[in-house]
Amino acid sequence: MDQKTLASLYGIHVPLVTPFDADGRIAGEALADLARSVLDAGAAGIVALGTTGEAAALDPAEKRAVIGTCARVCGERGATLTVGAGSNDTRAAAAALAGLAHWPQITAALVAVPYYTRPGEAGVLAHFAELAAASPVPLVAYHIPYRTAQPLSGEALRALARIPGVVALKYAAGGIDQAAVELLGDPELPQEFTVLAGDDAYASPLMAMGAAGGILASAHLATRRFVELADAWREGRAGRARQLGHELAGLSAAAFAEPNPTVIKGVLHAQGRIPTPDVRLPLLPAGQDAVDAALKRLAGLGE
């Protein structure tokens, strides 16, 4: 991996929502404007087709449209574009990754640990080795055991980091666990491998332990503050980082008070940044109380 790609996998990356018009279609220009706004606020990159983007509810043509829009904006801004791809079937995941070669603006693919089938640690490692060998772009492995039902030990995570072509890990274990301590404390991790926080409320402590940044849905709402948080930890300004971390953890708790991305979409709509707060079933729109609570948190941050 070249140094440009390595450098791009630091900092704050925003996993974009997919905005919908009143007729239920993707609001392409709103998506483009949203991407530009977070990049202009200092985000290092955006993630398309993540969980926050309701990728599971989009058809193939819609997914291509989302990637195309995000690729266009990242090309304009010279920003990092990571695209969610893959499944719990290795062959299907490899085919999805191969399709990303159509967009040269894509920097990396976000690939979740195989879910539901629970293949065990050896199966997870074999899955990523197979995909990394065939993928046209580097892989960011996504460890989120409360969704995948597949836990990974610190030893397995360190082995994952040593697979050629796996260049980063989005860490979302629902807290700071022993595996995180072992992973981030390993002095022998490959130099080109980075860990990115994936649980918004725990982003600050993970960065304090050495994470290079985060893929954080809450950063839609306070992008500059999250960027400042990552910068503060990187520059050793622990006092400011702690203060920001506590404030932003409160915002994240409000943003995830109902299933993601419902509250975030409600706030973005209230701000006039997307045309509707709509989500697709089985998600339901966030209640007004939850949206108001998140807006109050934002106001407290001066956003």
C-alpha atoms as a PDB file:
ATOM      1  CA  MET A   1       0.000   0.000   0.000  1.00  0.00           C
ATOM      2  CA  ASP A   2       1.378   3.417  -0.910  1.00  0.00           C
ATOM      3  CA  GLN A   3       1.958   6.173   1.644  1.00  0.00           C
ATOM      4  CA  LYS A   4      -0.977   8.223   0.330  1.00  0.00           C
ATOM      5  CA  THR A   5      -3.378   5.376   1.058  1.00  0.00           C
ATOM      6  CA  LEU A   6      -1.805   4.793   4.462  1.00  0.00           C
ATOM      7  CA  ALA A   7      -2.152   8.451   5.433  1.00  0.00           C
ATOM      8  CA  SER A   8      -5.770   8.517   4.280  1.00  0.00           C
ATOM      9  CA  LEU A   9      -6.833   5.910   6.823  1.00  0.00           C
ATOM     10  CA  TYR A  10      -6.262   8.241   9.766  1.00  0.00           C
ATOM     11  CA  GLY A  11      -8.659  10.791  11.221  1.00  0.00           C
ATOM     12  CA  ILE A  12     -12.434  10.957  11.108  1.00  0.00           C
ATOM     13  CA  HIS A  13     -14.451   9.209   8.408  1.00  0.00           C
ATOM     14  CA  VAL A  14     -18.206   9.765   8.210  1.00  0.00           C
ATOM     15  CA  PRO A  15     -20.376   6.774   7.236  1.00  0.00           C
ATOM     16  CA  LEU A  16     -22.984   8.675   5.271  1.00  0.00           C
ATOM     17  CA  VAL A  17     -26.712   8.192   5.601  1.00  0.00           C
ATOM     18  CA  THR A  18     -28.612   7.596   2.382  1.00  0.00           C
ATOM     19  CA  PRO A  19     -31.187  10.432   2.145  1.00  0.00           C
ATOM     20  CA  PHE A  20     -34.537   9.755   0.500  1.00  0.00           C
ATOM     21  CA  ASP A  21     -36.952  12.084  -1.266  1.00  0.00           C
ATOM     22  CA  ALA A  22     -40.646  12.174  -0.352  1.00  0.00           C
ATOM     23  CA  ASP A  23     -41.293   9.594  -3.077  1.00  0.00           C
ATOM     24  CA  GLY A  24     -38.854   7.148  -1.495  1.00  0.00           C
ATOM     25  CA  ARG A  25     -36.102   7.543  -4.081  1.00  0.00           C
ATOM     26  CA  ILE A  26     -32.504   8.332  -3.219  1.00  0.00           C
ATOM     27  CA  ALA A  27     -31.960  12.092  -2.969  1.00  0.00           C
ATOM     28  CA  GLY A  28     -28.732  12.208  -4.952  1.00  0.00           C
ATOM     29  CA  GLU A  29     -27.970  15.902  -4.689  1.00  0.00           C
ATOM     30  CA  ALA A  30     -28.662  15.902  -0.957  1.00  0.00           C
ATOM     31  CA  LEU A  31     -26.224  12.998  -0.625  1.00  0.00           C
ATOM     32  CA  ALA A  32     -23.590  14.921  -2.585  1.00  0.00           C
ATOM     33  CA  ASP A  33     -24.130  18.067  -0.511  1.00  0.00           C
ATOM     34  CA  LEU A  34     -23.897  16.064   2.702  1.00  0.00           C
ATOM     35  CA  ALA A  35     -20.628  14.496   1.562  1.00  0.00           C
ATOM     36  CA  ARG A  36     -19.183  17.889   0.661  1.00  0.00           C
ATOM     37  CA  SER A  37     -20.256  19.389   3.982  1.00  0.00           C
ATOM     38  CA  VAL A  38     -18.505  16.812   6.176  1.00  0.00           C
ATOM     39  CA  LEU A  39     -15.365  16.895   4.046  1.00  0.00           C
ATOM     40  CA  ASP A  40     -15.287  20.691   4.123  1.00  0.00           C
ATOM     41  CA  ALA A  41     -15.602  20.473   7.917  1.00  0.00           C
ATOM     42  CA  GLY A  42     -12.393  18.463   8.096  1.00  0.00           C
ATOM     43  CA  ALA A  43     -13.348  14.802   7.778  1.00  0.00           C
ATOM     44  CA  ALA A  44     -10.571  12.742   6.213  1.00  0.00           C
ATOM     45  CA  GLY A  45     -13.073  10.760   4.198  1.00  0.00           C
ATOM     46  CA  ILE A  46     -16.519   9.285   3.855  1.00  0.00           C
ATOM     47  CA  VAL A  47     -17.868   5.753   3.916  1.00  0.00           C
ATOM     48  CA  ALA A  48     -20.584   4.760   1.471  1.00  0.00           C
ATOM     49  CA  LEU A  49     -22.930   1.800   1.921  1.00  0.00           C
ATOM     50  CA  GLY A  50     -22.234   1.194   5.584  1.00  0.00           C
ATOM     51  CA  THR A  51     -24.869   0.182   8.113  1.00  0.00           C
ATOM     52  CA  THR A  52     -25.638   3.884   8.623  1.00  0.00           C
ATOM     53  CA  GLY A  53     -26.315   4.142   4.887  1.00  0.00           C
ATOM     54  CA  GLU A  54     -29.004   1.404   5.094  1.00  0.00           C
ATOM     55  CA  ALA A  55     -27.093  -0.629   2.536  1.00  0.00           C
ATOM     56  CA  ALA A  56     -29.164  -3.730   3.252  1.00  0.00           C
ATOM     57  CA  ALA A  57     -32.297  -1.883   2.090  1.00  0.00           C
ATOM     58  CA  LEU A  58     -30.847  -0.662  -1.228  1.00  0.00           C
ATOM     59  CA  ASP A  59     -31.115  -2.525  -4.507  1.00  0.00           C
ATOM     60  CA  PRO A  60     -28.064  -2.997  -6.777  1.00  0.00           C
ATOM     61  CA  ALA A  61     -28.875   0.021  -8.960  1.00  0.00           C
ATOM     62  CA  GLU A  62     -29.295   2.221  -5.889  1.00  0.00           C
ATOM     63  CA  LYS A  63     -25.987   1.019  -4.477  1.00  0.00           C
ATOM     64  CA  ARG A  64     -24.240   1.911  -7.731  1.00  0.00           C
ATOM     65  CA  ALA A  65     -25.846   5.355  -7.658  1.00  0.00           C
ATOM     66  CA  VAL A  66     -24.648   5.975  -4.090  1.00  0.00           C
ATOM     67  CA  ILE A  67     -21.107   4.891  -4.935  1.00  0.00           C
ATOM     68  CA  GLY A  68     -21.098   7.026  -8.065  1.00  0.00           C
ATOM     69  CA  THR A  69     -22.194  10.130  -6.182  1.00  0.00           C
ATOM     70  CA  CYS A  70     -19.679   9.622  -3.390  1.00  0.00           C
ATOM     71  CA  ALA A  71     -16.893   8.849  -5.864  1.00  0.00           C
ATOM     72  CA  ARG A  72     -17.627  12.078  -7.717  1.00  0.00           C
ATOM     73  CA  VAL A  73     -17.448  14.174  -4.549  1.00  0.00           C
ATOM     74  CA  CYS A  74     -14.315  12.463  -3.262  1.00  0.00           C
ATOM     75  CA  GLY A  75     -12.713  12.989  -6.649  1.00  0.00           C
ATOM     76  CA  GLU A  76     -13.542  16.691  -6.428  1.00  0.00           C
ATOM     77  CA  ARG A  77     -12.157  17.007  -2.903  1.00  0.00           C
ATOM     78  CA  GLY A  78      -9.247  14.572  -3.132  1.00  0.00           C
ATOM     79  CA  ALA A  79     -10.749  12.731  -0.148  1.00  0.00           C
ATOM     80  CA  THR A  80     -10.755   9.125   0.995  1.00  0.00           C
ATOM     81  CA  LEU A  81     -13.675   6.968  -0.104  1.00  0.00           C
ATOM     82  CA  THR A  82     -14.333   3.681   1.652  1.00  0.00           C
ATOM     83  CA  VAL A  83     -17.201   1.526   0.405  1.00  0.00           C
ATOM     84  CA  GLY A  84     -19.031  -1.157   2.344  1.00  0.00           C
ATOM     85  CA  ALA A  85     -18.952  -4.489   0.550  1.00  0.00           C
ATOM     86  CA  GLY A  86     -19.043  -8.174   1.292  1.00  0.00           C
ATOM     87  CA  SER A  87     -21.305 -10.705   2.948  1.00  0.00           C
ATOM     88  CA  ASN A  88     -21.067 -13.810   5.083  1.00  0.00           C
ATOM     89  CA  ASP A  89     -20.426 -15.845   1.918  1.00  0.00           C
ATOM     90  CA  THR A  90     -16.813 -15.561   0.767  1.00  0.00           C
ATOM     91  CA  ARG A  91     -17.560 -16.134  -2.908  1.00  0.00           C
ATOM     92  CA  ALA A  92     -20.308 -13.492  -2.996  1.00  0.00           C
ATOM     93  CA  ALA A  93     -18.110 -11.071  -1.064  1.00  0.00           C
ATOM     94  CA  ALA A  94     -15.287 -11.524  -3.562  1.00  0.00           C
ATOM     95  CA  ALA A  95     -17.672 -10.768  -6.427  1.00  0.00           C
ATOM     96  CA  ALA A  96     -18.904  -7.595  -4.698  1.00  0.00           C
ATOM     97  CA  LEU A  97     -15.337  -6.435  -4.135  1.00  0.00           C
ATOM     98  CA  ALA A  98     -14.398  -7.101  -7.757  1.00  0.00           C
ATOM     99  CA  GLY A  99     -17.150  -4.720  -8.825  1.00  0.00           C
ATOM    100  CA  LEU A 100     -15.474  -1.841  -6.976  1.00  0.00           C
ATOM    101  CA  ALA A 101     -12.747  -1.724  -9.622  1.00  0.00           C
ATOM    102  CA  HIS A 102     -15.158   0.356 -11.726  1.00  0.00           C
ATOM    103  CA  TRP A 103     -14.531   3.417  -9.516  1.00  0.00           C
ATOM    104  CA  PRO A 104     -10.857   4.463  -9.304  1.00  0.00           C
ATOM    105  CA  GLN A 105     -11.718   6.970  -6.557  1.00  0.00           C
ATOM    106  CA  ILE A 106     -12.329   4.148  -4.047  1.00  0.00           C
ATOM    107  CA  THR A 107      -9.534   3.937  -1.497  1.00  0.00           C
ATOM    108  CA  ALA A 108     -10.629   0.895   0.495  1.00  0.00           C
ATOM    109  CA  ALA A 109     -13.524  -1.484   1.141  1.00  0.00           C
ATOM    110  CA  LEU A 110     -15.175  -1.929   4.534  1.00  0.00           C
ATOM    111  CA  VAL A 111     -15.849  -5.645   5.027  1.00  0.00           C
ATOM    112  CA  ALA A 112     -17.618  -6.994   8.094  1.00  0.00           C
ATOM    113  CA  VAL A 113     -16.550 -10.151   9.860  1.00  0.00           C
ATOM    114  CA  PRO A 114     -18.819 -12.902   8.475  1.00  0.00           C
ATOM    115  CA  TYR A 115     -22.121 -12.688  10.304  1.00  0.00           C
ATOM    116  CA  TYR A 116     -24.732 -15.244  11.347  1.00  0.00           C
ATOM    117  CA  THR A 117     -22.806 -18.320  10.152  1.00  0.00           C
ATOM    118  CA  ARG A 118     -20.262 -17.947  13.008  1.00  0.00           C
ATOM    119  CA  PRO A 119     -17.358 -19.615  11.149  1.00  0.00           C
ATOM    120  CA  GLY A 120     -14.936 -19.432  14.086  1.00  0.00           C
ATOM    121  CA  GLU A 121     -11.692 -17.503  14.243  1.00  0.00           C
ATOM    122  CA  ALA A 122      -9.893 -19.713  11.731  1.00  0.00           C
ATOM    123  CA  GLY A 123     -12.748 -19.331   9.272  1.00  0.00           C
ATOM    124  CA  VAL A 124     -12.747 -15.542   9.694  1.00  0.00           C
ATOM    125  CA  LEU A 125      -9.018 -15.378   8.981  1.00  0.00           C
ATOM    126  CA  ALA A 126      -9.361 -17.632   5.926  1.00  0.00           C
ATOM    127  CA  HIS A 127     -12.261 -15.469   4.682  1.00  0.00           C
ATOM    128  CA  PHE A 128     -10.221 -12.264   4.869  1.00  0.00           C
ATOM    129  CA  ALA A 129      -7.108 -13.866   3.384  1.00  0.00           C
ATOM    130  CA  GLU A 130      -9.144 -15.023   0.387  1.00  0.00           C
ATOM    131  CA  LEU A 131     -10.804 -11.642  -0.085  1.00  0.00           C
ATOM    132  CA  ALA A 132      -7.653  -9.573   0.377  1.00  0.00           C
ATOM    133  CA  ALA A 133      -5.789 -11.631  -2.205  1.00  0.00           C
ATOM    134  CA  ALA A 134      -8.468 -10.965  -4.834  1.00  0.00           C
ATOM    135  CA  SER A 135      -9.727  -7.468  -3.981  1.00  0.00           C
ATOM    136  CA  PRO A 136      -8.875  -4.533  -6.258  1.00  0.00           C
ATOM    137  CA  VAL A 137      -8.659  -2.266  -3.177  1.00  0.00           C
ATOM    138  CA  PRO A 138      -7.284  -2.695   0.366  1.00  0.00           C
ATOM    139  CA  LEU A 139      -9.652  -3.947   3.046  1.00  0.00           C
ATOM    140  CA  VAL A 140     -10.832  -2.380   6.294  1.00  0.00           C
ATOM    141  CA  ALA A 141     -12.075  -5.270   8.408  1.00  0.00           C
ATOM    142  CA  TYR A 142     -15.149  -4.477  10.494  1.00  0.00           C
ATOM    143  CA  HIS A 143     -15.257  -6.165  13.912  1.00  0.00           C
ATOM    144  CA  ILE A 144     -18.706  -5.716  15.440  1.00  0.00           C
ATOM    145  CA  PRO A 145     -19.488  -8.893  17.394  1.00  0.00           C
ATOM    146  CA  TYR A 146     -22.832  -7.712  18.794  1.00  0.00           C
ATOM    147  CA  ARG A 147     -24.116  -7.725  15.200  1.00  0.00           C
ATOM    148  CA  THR A 148     -22.126 -10.595  13.696  1.00  0.00           C
ATOM    149  CA  ALA A 149     -22.326 -13.001  16.670  1.00  0.00           C
ATOM    150  CA  GLN A 150     -18.685 -13.833  15.970  1.00  0.00           C
ATOM    151  CA  PRO A 151     -16.278 -12.774  18.751  1.00  0.00           C
ATOM    152  CA  LEU A 152     -12.567 -12.511  18.034  1.00  0.00           C
ATOM    153  CA  SER A 153      -9.741 -12.767  20.537  1.00  0.00           C
ATOM    154  CA  GLY A 154      -6.826 -10.384  20.700  1.00  0.00           C
ATOM    155  CA  GLU A 155      -4.684 -13.092  19.122  1.00  0.00           C
ATOM    156  CA  ALA A 156      -7.096 -13.453  16.191  1.00  0.00           C
ATOM    157  CA  LEU A 157      -7.264  -9.680  15.690  1.00  0.00           C
ATOM    158  CA  ARG A 158      -3.473  -9.460  15.595  1.00  0.00           C
ATOM    159  CA  ALA A 159      -3.405 -12.282  13.040  1.00  0.00           C
ATOM    160  CA  LEU A 160      -5.987 -10.403  10.981  1.00  0.00           C
ATOM    161  CA  ALA A 161      -3.724  -7.335  11.029  1.00  0.00           C
ATOM    162  CA  ARG A 162      -0.912  -9.380   9.492  1.00  0.00           C
ATOM    163  CA  ILE A 163      -2.914 -10.492   6.435  1.00  0.00           C
ATOM    164  CA  PRO A 164      -1.501  -8.666   3.369  1.00  0.00           C
ATOM    165  CA  GLY A 165      -4.119  -6.303   1.997  1.00  0.00           C
ATOM    166  CA  VAL A 166      -5.981  -5.867   5.298  1.00  0.00           C
ATOM    167  CA  VAL A 167      -4.864  -2.344   6.143  1.00  0.00           C
ATOM    168  CA  ALA A 168      -7.211  -1.278   8.938  1.00  0.00           C
ATOM    169  CA  LEU A 169      -9.754  -2.489  11.449  1.00  0.00           C
ATOM    170  CA  LYS A 170     -12.980  -0.754  12.387  1.00  0.00           C
ATOM    171  CA  TYR A 171     -13.323  -1.727  16.036  1.00  0.00           C
ATOM    172  CA  ALA A 172     -16.869  -1.772  17.417  1.00  0.00           C
ATOM    173  CA  ALA A 173     -17.000  -4.248  20.276  1.00  0.00           C
ATOM    174  CA  GLY A 174     -19.430  -2.234  22.393  1.00  0.00           C
ATOM    175  CA  GLY A 175     -16.776  -1.080  24.846  1.00  0.00           C
ATOM    176  CA  ILE A 176     -13.091  -1.348  25.715  1.00  0.00           C
ATOM    177  CA  ASP A 177     -12.433  -5.061  26.134  1.00  0.00           C
ATOM    178  CA  GLN A 178      -9.360  -7.211  26.667  1.00  0.00           C
ATOM    179  CA  ALA A 179      -8.999  -7.829  22.935  1.00  0.00           C
ATOM    180  CA  ALA A 180      -8.764  -4.076  22.317  1.00  0.00           C
ATOM    181  CA  VAL A 181      -6.082  -3.753  24.998  1.00  0.00           C
ATOM    182  CA  GLU A 182      -4.076  -6.585  23.450  1.00  0.00           C
ATOM    183  CA  LEU A 183      -4.466  -5.302  19.898  1.00  0.00           C
ATOM    184  CA  LEU A 184      -3.628  -1.651  20.525  1.00  0.00           C
ATOM    185  CA  GLY A 185      -0.810  -2.567  22.897  1.00  0.00           C
ATOM    186  CA  ASP A 186       0.970  -4.840  20.416  1.00  0.00           C
ATOM    187  CA  PRO A 187       4.247  -3.171  19.350  1.00  0.00           C
ATOM    188  CA  GLU A 188       4.659  -5.635  16.481  1.00  0.00           C
ATOM    189  CA  LEU A 189       1.557  -4.695  14.476  1.00  0.00           C
ATOM    190  CA  PRO A 190       2.433  -3.936  10.848  1.00  0.00           C
ATOM    191  CA  GLN A 191       3.388  -0.298  10.434  1.00  0.00           C
ATOM    192  CA  GLU A 192       0.813   0.199   7.683  1.00  0.00           C
ATOM    193  CA  PHE A 193      -2.077  -1.183   9.795  1.00  0.00           C
ATOM    194  CA  THR A 194      -4.416   1.215  11.598  1.00  0.00           C
ATOM    195  CA  VAL A 195      -7.269   0.785  14.073  1.00  0.00           C
ATOM    196  CA  LEU A 196     -10.327   3.025  13.681  1.00  0.00           C
ATOM    197  CA  ALA A 197     -12.926   3.406  16.413  1.00  0.00           C
ATOM    198  CA  GLY A 198     -16.352   2.213  15.349  1.00  0.00           C
ATOM    199  CA  ASP A 199     -18.440   2.707  18.491  1.00  0.00           C
ATOM    200  CA  ASP A 200     -19.074   6.441  18.696  1.00  0.00           C
ATOM    201  CA  ALA A 201     -19.407   6.628  22.487  1.00  0.00           C
ATOM    202  CA  TYR A 202     -16.049   4.856  22.940  1.00  0.00           C
ATOM    203  CA  ALA A 203     -14.149   6.710  20.240  1.00  0.00           C
ATOM    204  CA  SER A 204     -12.213   8.943  22.613  1.00  0.00           C
ATOM    205  CA  PRO A 205     -10.866   6.177  24.895  1.00  0.00           C
ATOM    206  CA  LEU A 206      -9.904   4.080  21.882  1.00  0.00           C
ATOM    207  CA  MET A 207      -7.992   7.024  20.417  1.00  0.00           C
ATOM    208  CA  ALA A 208      -6.345   7.551  23.801  1.00  0.00           C
ATOM    209  CA  MET A 209      -5.125   3.950  23.561  1.00  0.00           C
ATOM    210  CA  GLY A 210      -3.749   4.439  20.060  1.00  0.00           C
ATOM    211  CA  ALA A 211      -6.584   4.215  17.537  1.00  0.00           C
ATOM    212  CA  ALA A 212      -5.796   6.392  14.512  1.00  0.00           C
ATOM    213  CA  GLY A 213      -9.274   7.905  14.251  1.00  0.00           C
ATOM    214  CA  GLY A 214     -12.765   6.609  13.743  1.00  0.00           C
ATOM    215  CA  ILE A 215     -15.616   5.761  11.393  1.00  0.00           C
ATOM    216  CA  LEU A 216     -18.327   7.557  13.351  1.00  0.00           C
ATOM    217  CA  ALA A 217     -21.956   8.152  12.407  1.00  0.00           C
ATOM    218  CA  SER A 218     -22.315  10.908  15.037  1.00  0.00           C
ATOM    219  CA  ALA A 219     -19.711  12.897  13.123  1.00  0.00           C
ATOM    220  CA  HIS A 220     -22.472  13.860  10.680  1.00  0.00           C
ATOM    221  CA  LEU A 221     -23.687  16.217  13.388  1.00  0.00           C
ATOM    222  CA  ALA A 222     -20.502  17.715  14.847  1.00  0.00           C
ATOM    223  CA  THR A 223     -17.826  16.983  12.287  1.00  0.00           C
ATOM    224  CA  ARG A 224     -15.416  19.720  13.345  1.00  0.00           C
ATOM    225  CA  ARG A 225     -15.574  18.664  16.993  1.00  0.00           C
ATOM    226  CA  PHE A 226     -14.813  15.029  16.176  1.00  0.00           C
ATOM    227  CA  VAL A 227     -11.931  16.116  13.949  1.00  0.00           C
ATOM    228  CA  GLU A 228     -10.629  18.273  16.793  1.00  0.00           C
ATOM    229  CA  LEU A 229     -10.914  15.273  19.131  1.00  0.00           C
ATOM    230  CA  ALA A 230      -8.780  13.089  16.855  1.00  0.00           C
ATOM    231  CA  ASP A 231      -6.254  15.896  16.390  1.00  0.00           C
ATOM    232  CA  ALA A 232      -6.028  16.499  20.145  1.00  0.00           C
ATOM    233  CA  TRP A 233      -5.231  12.880  20.951  1.00  0.00           C
ATOM    234  CA  ARG A 234      -2.713  12.656  18.100  1.00  0.00           C
ATOM    235  CA  GLU A 235      -0.964  15.841  19.242  1.00  0.00           C
ATOM    236  CA  GLY A 236      -0.883  14.833  22.909  1.00  0.00           C
ATOM    237  CA  ARG A 237      -3.330  17.510  24.147  1.00  0.00           C
ATOM    238  CA  ALA A 238      -4.921  15.125  26.619  1.00  0.00           C
ATOM    239  CA  GLY A 239      -6.840  17.726  28.622  1.00  0.00           C
ATOM    240  CA  ARG A 240      -8.688  19.079  25.623  1.00  0.00           C
ATOM    241  CA  ALA A 241      -9.208  15.570  24.256  1.00  0.00           C
ATOM    242  CA  ARG A 242     -10.806  14.386  27.496  1.00  0.00           C
ATOM    243  CA  GLN A 243     -13.147  17.360  27.593  1.00  0.00           C
ATOM    244  CA  LEU A 244     -14.207  16.866  23.993  1.00  0.00           C
ATOM    245  CA  GLY A 245     -14.504  13.133  24.476  1.00  0.00           C
ATOM    246  CA  HIS A 246     -16.977  13.515  27.319  1.00  0.00           C
ATOM    247  CA  GLU A 247     -19.053  16.089  25.429  1.00  0.00           C
ATOM    248  CA  LEU A 248     -19.163  14.053  22.238  1.00  0.00           C
ATOM    249  CA  ALA A 249     -19.981  10.816  24.060  1.00  0.00           C
ATOM    250  CA  GLY A 250     -23.151  12.532  25.258  1.00  0.00           C
ATOM    251  CA  LEU A 251     -24.026  13.519  21.720  1.00  0.00           C
ATOM    252  CA  SER A 252     -23.362   9.970  20.520  1.00  0.00           C
ATOM    253  CA  ALA A 253     -25.613   8.520  23.209  1.00  0.00           C
ATOM    254  CA  ALA A 254     -28.409  10.825  22.032  1.00  0.00           C
ATOM    255  CA  ALA A 255     -27.761   9.972  18.377  1.00  0.00           C
ATOM    256  CA  PHE A 256     -28.071   6.253  19.119  1.00  0.00           C
ATOM    257  CA  ALA A 257     -31.039   6.474  21.475  1.00  0.00           C
ATOM    258  CA  GLU A 258     -33.104   4.790  18.750  1.00  0.00           C
ATOM    259  CA  PRO A 259     -31.892   2.446  15.988  1.00  0.00           C
ATOM    260  CA  ASN A 260     -29.203   3.959  13.792  1.00  0.00           C
ATOM    261  CA  PRO A 261     -29.521   6.021  11.590  1.00  0.00           C
ATOM    262  CA  THR A 262     -33.021   7.150  12.551  1.00  0.00           C
ATOM    263  CA  VAL A 263     -32.088   9.898  15.014  1.00  0.00           C
ATOM    264  CA  ILE A 264     -29.262  11.177  12.835  1.00  0.00           C
ATOM    265  CA  LYS A 265     -31.614  11.421   9.881  1.00  0.00           C
ATOM    266  CA  GLY A 266     -34.159  13.222  12.035  1.00  0.00           C
ATOM    267  CA  VAL A 267     -31.566  15.790  13.079  1.00  0.00           C
ATOM    268  CA  LEU A 268     -30.240  16.252   9.547  1.00  0.00           C
ATOM    269  CA  HIS A 269     -33.787  16.835   8.317  1.00  0.00           C
ATOM    270  CA  ALA A 270     -34.463  19.330  11.116  1.00  0.00           C
ATOM    271  CA  GLN A 271     -31.316  21.173  10.031  1.00  0.00           C
ATOM    272  CA  GLY A 272     -32.529  21.263   6.422  1.00  0.00           C
ATOM    273  CA  ARG A 273     -29.625  19.126   5.205  1.00  0.00           C
ATOM    274  CA  ILE A 274     -31.717  16.243   3.815  1.00  0.00           C
ATOM    275  CA  PRO A 275     -35.234  16.414   2.329  1.00  0.00           C
ATOM    276  CA  THR A 276     -36.917  13.875   4.635  1.00  0.00           C
ATOM    277  CA  PRO A 277     -36.056  11.946   7.801  1.00  0.00           C
ATOM    278  CA  ASP A 278     -37.320   8.765   6.116  1.00  0.00           C
ATOM    279  CA  VAL A 279     -35.790   5.335   6.584  1.00  0.00           C
ATOM    280  CA  ARG A 280     -36.767   2.031   5.019  1.00  0.00           C
ATOM    281  CA  LEU A 281     -38.496  -0.818   6.792  1.00  0.00           C
ATOM    282  CA  PRO A 282     -37.829  -2.591   9.043  1.00  0.00           C
ATOM    283  CA  LEU A 283     -36.529   0.702  10.481  1.00  0.00           C
ATOM    284  CA  LEU A 284     -39.063   3.300  11.603  1.00  0.00           C
ATOM    285  CA  PRO A 285     -38.411   7.049  11.878  1.00  0.00           C
ATOM    286  CA  ALA A 286     -37.113   8.288  15.218  1.00  0.00           C
ATOM    287  CA  GLY A 287     -39.550   9.822  17.660  1.00  0.00           C
ATOM    288  CA  GLN A 288     -39.571  13.587  17.970  1.00  0.00           C
ATOM    289  CA  ASP A 289     -38.405  13.428  21.583  1.00  0.00           C
ATOM    290  CA  ALA A 290     -35.231  11.582  20.553  1.00  0.00           C
ATOM    291  CA  VAL A 291     -34.538  14.050  17.743  1.00  0.00           C
ATOM    292  CA  ASP A 292     -35.112  17.008  20.071  1.00  0.00           C
ATOM    293  CA  ALA A 293     -32.746  15.522  22.661  1.00  0.00           C
ATOM    294  CA  ALA A 294     -29.990  15.194  20.070  1.00  0.00           C
ATOM    295  CA  LEU A 295     -30.608  18.747  18.849  1.00  0.00           C
ATOM    296  CA  LYS A 296     -30.337  19.962  22.450  1.00  0.00           C
ATOM    297  CA  ARG A 297     -26.986  18.186  22.804  1.00  0.00           C
ATOM    298  CA  LEU A 298     -25.802  19.831  19.602  1.00  0.00           C
ATOM    299  CA  ALA A 299     -26.860  23.236  20.848  1.00  0.00           C
ATOM    300  CA  GLY A 300     -24.890  22.618  24.021  1.00  0.00           C
ATOM    301  CA  LEU A 301     -21.804  22.017  21.865  1.00  0.00           C
ATOM    302  CA  GLY A 302     -22.403  25.277  20.042  1.00  0.00           C
ATOM    303  CA  GLU A 303     -23.249  23.410  16.824  1.00  0.00           C
END
